[in-house]
C-alpha atoms as a PDB file:
ATOM      1  CA  MET A   1      -0.948 -18.468  -3.024  1.00  0.00           C
ATOM      2  CA  THR A   2      -0.263 -14.938  -4.210  1.00  0.00           C
ATOM      3  CA  LEU A   3      -2.518 -13.269  -6.743  1.00  0.00           C
ATOM      4  CA  PRO A   4      -1.191 -10.667  -9.170  1.00  0.00           C
ATOM      5  CA  HIS A   5      -2.233  -7.063  -8.572  1.00  0.00           C
ATOM      6  CA  PRO A   6      -2.395  -4.285 -11.169  1.00  0.00           C
ATOM      7  CA  ASN A   7      -0.221  -1.208 -10.895  1.00  0.00           C
ATOM      8  CA  THR A   8      -2.067   1.910  -9.749  1.00  0.00           C
ATOM      9  CA  ASP A   9      -1.736   3.429 -13.234  1.00  0.00           C
ATOM     10  CA  GLN A  10      -3.729   0.454 -14.590  1.00  0.00           C
ATOM     11  CA  ILE A  11      -6.710   1.116 -12.299  1.00  0.00           C
ATOM     12  CA  SER A  12      -9.569   3.311 -13.500  1.00  0.00           C
ATOM     13  CA  LEU A  13     -11.324   5.092 -10.620  1.00  0.00           C
ATOM     14  CA  PRO A  14     -14.738   5.297 -12.384  1.00  0.00           C
ATOM     15  CA  ILE A  15     -14.672   1.538 -12.962  1.00  0.00           C
ATOM     16  CA  VAL A  16     -13.646   0.828  -9.368  1.00  0.00           C
ATOM     17  CA  LEU A  17     -16.435   3.041  -8.043  1.00  0.00           C
ATOM     18  CA  GLY A  18     -18.984   1.497 -10.435  1.00  0.00           C
ATOM     19  CA  VAL A  19     -18.249  -2.120  -9.512  1.00  0.00           C
ATOM     20  CA  PRO A  20     -20.204  -2.153  -6.207  1.00  0.00           C
ATOM     21  CA  GLY A  21     -23.322  -0.994  -8.062  1.00  0.00           C
ATOM     22  CA  ASP A  22     -23.271  -3.847 -10.577  1.00  0.00           C
ATOM     23  CA  PRO A  23     -26.614  -5.719 -10.244  1.00  0.00           C
ATOM     24  CA  THR A  24     -25.035  -9.175 -10.501  1.00  0.00           C
ATOM     25  CA  ARG A  25     -22.447  -8.406  -7.839  1.00  0.00           C
ATOM     26  CA  LEU A  26     -25.130  -6.927  -5.583  1.00  0.00           C
ATOM     27  CA  ALA A  27     -27.200 -10.108  -5.962  1.00  0.00           C
ATOM     28  CA  ILE A  28     -24.192 -12.219  -4.987  1.00  0.00           C
ATOM     29  CA  VAL A  29     -23.502 -10.063  -1.931  1.00  0.00           C
ATOM     30  CA  ARG A  30     -27.185 -10.233  -0.888  1.00  0.00           C
ATOM     31  CA  TYR A  31     -27.143 -14.010  -1.217  1.00  0.00           C
ATOM     32  CA  LEU A  32     -23.940 -14.355   0.801  1.00  0.00           C
ATOM     33  CA  ALA A  33     -25.268 -11.978   3.470  1.00  0.00           C
ATOM     34  CA  SER A  34     -28.454 -14.046   3.777  1.00  0.00           C
ATOM     35  CA  LYS A  35     -26.342 -17.133   4.526  1.00  0.00           C
ATOM     36  CA  GLU A  36     -24.405 -15.541   7.401  1.00  0.00           C
ATOM     37  CA  GLY A  37     -22.996 -18.218   9.673  1.00  0.00           C
ATOM     38  CA  VAL A  38     -23.698 -21.000   7.163  1.00  0.00           C
ATOM     39  CA  PRO A  39     -20.615 -22.625   5.576  1.00  0.00           C
ATOM     40  CA  LEU A  40     -20.636 -22.055   1.820  1.00  0.00           C
ATOM     41  CA  ASN A  41     -18.640 -23.860  -0.833  1.00  0.00           C
ATOM     42  CA  CYS A  42     -16.900 -21.788  -3.517  1.00  0.00           C
ATOM     43  CA  SER A  43     -16.904 -24.309  -6.355  1.00  0.00           C
ATOM     44  CA  ARG A  44     -18.821 -25.003  -9.507  1.00  0.00           C
END
């Protein structure tokens, strides 16, 4: 499966740099990191 990618002129650097600081994304990363080595299911 191939996912579409934006052209570089469609990417905003401030948005890209701000994404890692998003509280929801950080919470997801913390959760995934706490489950290291445990198989996780990516479904609803």
